[in-house]
């Protein structure tokens, strides 16, 4: 994207940096299980840097990249040992085979050029390198639960098969954030990876853990339907 989250950077910082506020804190460990052992990692769409910081803490030599200058600056301030830069995910400023792993954590939905971003990620991977991605689950994106009841019906009122723009406002505690991006069917993601020459190694649909349901029984909705899709692809 040309500006990414820059217009909403001030909204994102407290949302992303409040421990336990959003799903990242309960899902991240299951995502990191998909990653290869620590070496060189690039995160595309790093935002304010929490995923890159977590990778750095786990031993990876990290580079974070985002289109929003404010977020890149704040990410660098929070992680002086990591490298961060402003760039377009569809035009990466790196040579071929520069990284062992590329991470796209809930960022592919934000890119105007999804195929271009995946193609560039594949280009900068070493042969045998992995692209590990998390996206909001295409089914979850396509509809909504009719209520917060644990057994509420999930309704898709439009077409699941079409990509479309998305905008949604969410509030938790005293914080509010508006997400902007795209809703894609699974085929759109799969086709982007396929056209980039990547091969699927692992696919996970993490469900909400039982302790979350104990705290809020309405979260049982997300034990019937996955909110996220985790993918690991390898470059032959």
Protein backbone atom coordinates (compact mmCIF):
# COMPACT_ATOMS: atom_id res chain seq x y z
CA UNK A 1 0.00 0.00 0.00
CA UNK A 2 1.18 3.54 -0.67
CA UNK A 3 0.56 4.82 2.88
CA UNK A 4 -0.56 1.75 4.81
CA UNK A 5 -1.57 2.51 8.39
CA UNK A 6 0.01 5.97 8.47
CA UNK A 7 -3.32 7.87 8.85
CA UNK A 8 -4.30 5.62 11.78
CA UNK A 9 -0.91 5.12 13.44
CA UNK A 10 -1.99 6.79 16.68
CA UNK A 11 -4.93 4.37 16.99
CA UNK A 12 -2.76 1.31 16.45
CA UNK A 13 -0.05 1.99 19.04
CA UNK A 14 -2.10 1.62 22.26
CA UNK A 15 -4.16 -1.19 20.74
CA UNK A 16 -1.10 -3.27 19.79
CA UNK A 17 0.94 -2.46 22.87
CA UNK A 18 -1.62 -3.22 25.57
CA UNK A 19 -0.80 -6.78 26.73
CA UNK A 20 -3.71 -9.18 26.44
CA UNK A 21 -6.01 -6.72 24.67
CA UNK A 22 -6.39 -8.43 21.31
CA UNK A 23 -6.07 -11.92 19.86
CA UNK A 24 -2.34 -11.62 19.15
CA UNK A 25 -1.44 -12.46 22.72
CA UNK A 26 -3.35 -15.75 22.72
CA UNK A 27 -2.47 -16.85 19.17
CA UNK A 28 1.16 -15.81 18.70
CA UNK A 29 2.78 -18.89 20.25
CA UNK A 30 0.86 -21.21 17.95
CA UNK A 31 1.98 -19.11 14.99
CA UNK A 32 5.62 -19.12 16.06
CA UNK A 33 5.50 -22.93 16.21
CA UNK A 34 5.35 -22.90 12.41
CA UNK A 35 8.59 -20.97 11.99
CA UNK A 36 11.94 -22.62 11.19
CA UNK A 37 14.85 -22.30 13.66
CA UNK A 38 16.17 -18.76 14.16
CA UNK A 39 18.28 -17.24 11.41
CA UNK A 40 17.50 -14.21 9.22
CA UNK A 41 13.88 -13.03 9.21
CA UNK A 42 12.04 -10.29 7.35
CA UNK A 43 8.61 -9.17 8.50
CA UNK A 44 6.55 -7.44 5.81
CA UNK A 45 3.88 -5.11 7.16
CA UNK A 46 5.49 -4.98 10.60
CA UNK A 47 3.36 -2.09 11.89
CA UNK A 48 4.57 -0.88 15.28
CA UNK A 49 6.86 -3.90 15.50
CA UNK A 50 5.48 -6.32 18.07
CA UNK A 51 5.93 -9.42 15.89
CA UNK A 52 9.44 -8.39 14.86
CA UNK A 53 10.30 -7.74 18.52
CA UNK A 54 9.02 -11.18 19.46
CA UNK A 55 11.07 -12.75 16.66
CA UNK A 56 14.13 -10.83 17.81
CA UNK A 57 13.60 -12.05 21.37
CA UNK A 58 13.43 -15.63 20.04
CA UNK A 59 16.86 -15.33 18.44
CA UNK A 60 16.14 -14.23 14.88
CA UNK A 61 18.24 -11.61 13.12
CA UNK A 62 15.31 -9.38 12.20
CA UNK A 63 14.32 -6.75 9.68
CA UNK A 64 10.91 -5.11 9.89
CA UNK A 65 9.35 -3.31 6.94
CA UNK A 66 6.24 -1.19 6.67
CA UNK A 67 4.78 1.52 4.45
CA UNK A 68 3.87 3.79 7.38
CA UNK A 69 6.78 6.04 8.45
CA UNK A 70 5.34 6.77 11.89
CA UNK A 71 4.98 3.07 12.70
CA UNK A 72 8.49 2.28 11.46
CA UNK A 73 9.94 5.05 13.62
CA UNK A 74 8.09 3.82 16.71
CA UNK A 75 9.05 0.22 15.99
CA UNK A 76 12.73 1.19 15.80
CA UNK A 77 12.49 3.18 19.04
CA UNK A 78 11.04 0.13 20.81
CA UNK A 79 13.67 -2.27 19.41
CA UNK A 80 17.01 -0.55 18.96
CA UNK A 81 18.69 -3.86 18.17
CA UNK A 82 16.46 -4.59 15.19
CA UNK A 83 16.50 -3.09 11.70
CA UNK A 84 13.40 -1.29 10.39
CA UNK A 85 12.69 0.56 7.16
CA UNK A 86 9.92 2.18 5.18
CA UNK A 87 9.20 0.35 1.92
CA UNK A 88 6.50 -1.19 -0.26
CA UNK A 89 5.93 -4.92 0.28
CA UNK A 90 5.38 -5.30 -3.48
CA UNK A 91 8.80 -3.74 -4.26
CA UNK A 92 11.21 -4.99 -1.60
CA UNK A 93 14.60 -3.22 -1.51
CA UNK A 94 16.57 -6.46 -1.08
CA UNK A 95 18.51 -8.78 -3.35
CA UNK A 96 17.26 -12.25 -4.19
CA UNK A 97 17.82 -14.93 -1.54
CA UNK A 98 18.44 -12.42 1.29
CA UNK A 99 16.42 -14.14 4.03
CA UNK A 100 15.72 -17.58 5.47
CA UNK A 101 12.18 -16.69 6.52
CA UNK A 102 9.66 -14.01 5.59
CA UNK A 103 6.81 -13.38 8.02
CA UNK A 104 3.53 -11.73 7.09
CA UNK A 105 1.49 -11.59 10.28
CA UNK A 106 -2.02 -10.26 9.58
CA UNK A 107 -0.64 -7.95 6.91
CA UNK A 108 -1.47 -9.65 3.60
CA UNK A 109 -5.07 -8.43 4.01
CA UNK A 110 -3.77 -4.84 4.01
CA UNK A 111 -1.80 -4.91 0.77
CA UNK A 112 -3.29 -3.38 -2.38
CA UNK A 113 -1.17 -5.80 -4.45
CA UNK A 114 -1.46 -9.18 -2.72
CA UNK A 115 0.10 -11.20 -5.59
CA UNK A 116 2.94 -8.69 -5.91
CA UNK A 117 3.72 -8.82 -2.19
CA UNK A 118 3.80 -12.62 -2.15
CA UNK A 119 5.91 -12.69 -5.32
CA UNK A 120 8.43 -10.29 -3.75
CA UNK A 121 8.53 -12.32 -0.53
CA UNK A 122 9.34 -15.41 -2.57
CA UNK A 123 12.06 -13.56 -4.50
CA UNK A 124 13.98 -12.51 -1.38
CA UNK A 125 13.78 -15.99 0.19
CA UNK A 126 16.72 -18.36 -0.05
CA UNK A 127 15.95 -21.70 -1.74
CA UNK A 128 14.50 -23.83 1.03
CA UNK A 129 13.38 -20.70 2.89
CA UNK A 130 9.89 -20.32 4.35
CA UNK A 131 7.13 -17.77 4.04
CA UNK A 132 5.01 -17.91 7.20
CA UNK A 133 1.73 -15.99 7.17
CA UNK A 134 -1.25 -15.37 9.40
CA UNK A 135 -4.44 -13.92 7.92
CA UNK A 136 -7.91 -13.40 9.26
CA UNK A 137 -9.71 -16.57 8.23
CA UNK A 138 -11.49 -16.13 4.88
CA UNK A 139 -14.66 -17.72 6.22
CA UNK A 140 -14.69 -15.53 9.34
CA UNK A 141 -14.12 -12.49 7.14
CA UNK A 142 -17.02 -13.36 4.86
CA UNK A 143 -19.81 -13.20 7.44
CA UNK A 144 -20.69 -12.56 11.05
CA UNK A 145 -22.32 -14.14 14.08
CA UNK A 146 -25.85 -12.91 14.65
CA UNK A 147 -25.09 -12.29 18.34
CA UNK A 148 -22.49 -12.94 21.03
CA UNK A 149 -24.27 -16.08 22.24
CA UNK A 150 -22.07 -19.18 22.22
CA UNK A 151 -24.43 -20.97 19.83
CA UNK A 152 -25.26 -17.96 17.63
CA UNK A 153 -25.67 -18.73 13.92
CA UNK A 154 -22.92 -17.54 11.61
CA UNK A 155 -24.34 -15.87 8.51
CA UNK A 156 -22.69 -15.11 5.17
CA UNK A 157 -25.03 -12.67 3.49
CA UNK A 158 -22.91 -11.76 0.48
CA UNK A 159 -20.52 -13.72 -1.71
CA UNK A 160 -17.64 -15.56 -0.09
CA UNK A 161 -15.94 -15.97 -3.46
CA UNK A 162 -15.30 -12.29 -4.19
CA UNK A 163 -12.50 -10.09 -2.87
CA UNK A 164 -13.73 -6.79 -1.45
CA UNK A 165 -12.69 -3.84 0.68
CA UNK A 166 -13.16 -4.10 4.44
CA UNK A 167 -13.62 -1.52 7.16
CA UNK A 168 -14.61 -2.35 10.71
CA UNK A 169 -14.48 -0.50 14.04
CA UNK A 170 -13.82 -2.40 17.26
CA UNK A 171 -13.73 -1.34 20.91
CA UNK A 172 -12.16 -3.08 23.90
CA UNK A 173 -11.73 -1.64 27.35
CA UNK A 174 -11.36 2.10 26.66
CA UNK A 175 -9.69 1.73 23.25
CA UNK A 176 -11.25 1.91 19.78
CA UNK A 177 -9.65 1.08 16.45
CA UNK A 178 -10.82 0.97 12.84
CA UNK A 179 -9.31 -1.70 10.62
CA UNK A 180 -9.06 -1.12 6.87
CA UNK A 181 -8.10 -3.72 4.30
CA UNK A 182 -9.37 -6.47 2.06
CA UNK A 183 -11.49 -9.59 2.44
CA UNK A 184 -10.19 -12.41 0.22
CA UNK A 185 -11.43 -15.96 -0.35
CA UNK A 186 -8.97 -18.76 0.37
CA UNK A 187 -8.44 -19.23 -3.36
CA UNK A 188 -7.01 -15.70 -3.69
CA UNK A 189 -4.32 -16.44 -1.13
CA UNK A 190 -3.61 -19.89 -2.51
CA UNK A 191 -3.33 -18.56 -6.05
CA UNK A 192 -0.87 -15.84 -4.97
CA UNK A 193 1.41 -18.42 -3.33
CA UNK A 194 1.01 -20.80 -6.26
CA UNK A 195 1.91 -18.14 -8.84
CA UNK A 196 4.98 -17.20 -6.76
CA UNK A 197 6.22 -20.80 -7.01
CA UNK A 198 5.82 -21.58 -3.29
CA UNK A 199 4.70 -24.95 -1.94
CA UNK A 200 2.38 -25.41 1.05
CA UNK A 201 4.00 -27.17 4.02
CA UNK A 202 1.61 -26.48 6.89
CA UNK A 203 -1.87 -25.08 7.46
CA UNK A 204 -3.43 -24.40 10.85
CA UNK A 205 -6.82 -23.03 11.97
CA UNK A 206 -6.23 -22.17 15.65
CA UNK A 207 -9.29 -22.19 17.86
CA UNK A 208 -9.88 -20.13 20.97
CA UNK A 209 -8.41 -22.00 23.97
CA UNK A 210 -10.62 -23.26 26.78
CA UNK A 211 -9.33 -20.73 29.31
CA UNK A 212 -10.61 -17.90 27.10
CA UNK A 213 -14.05 -19.51 27.09
CA UNK A 214 -13.94 -19.87 30.89
CA UNK A 215 -13.38 -16.11 31.15
CA UNK A 216 -16.00 -15.26 28.53
CA UNK A 217 -18.44 -18.05 27.51
CA UNK A 218 -19.36 -16.10 24.35
CA UNK A 219 -15.87 -16.89 23.03
CA UNK A 220 -17.10 -20.45 22.46
CA UNK A 221 -18.31 -19.10 19.11
CA UNK A 222 -14.67 -19.15 18.03
CA UNK A 223 -14.30 -22.80 18.96
CA UNK A 224 -16.83 -23.58 16.24
CA UNK A 225 -15.28 -21.32 13.62
CA UNK A 226 -11.63 -20.28 13.24
CA UNK A 227 -10.82 -16.57 13.40
CA UNK A 228 -7.36 -16.99 11.84
CA UNK A 229 -5.52 -19.06 9.27
CA UNK A 230 -1.80 -19.85 9.71
CA UNK A 231 0.23 -20.92 6.69
CA UNK A 232 3.80 -22.03 6.03
CA UNK A 233 5.12 -22.19 2.48
CA UNK A 234 8.54 -23.28 1.27
CA UNK A 235 10.55 -22.00 -1.68
CA UNK A 236 11.78 -25.04 -3.65
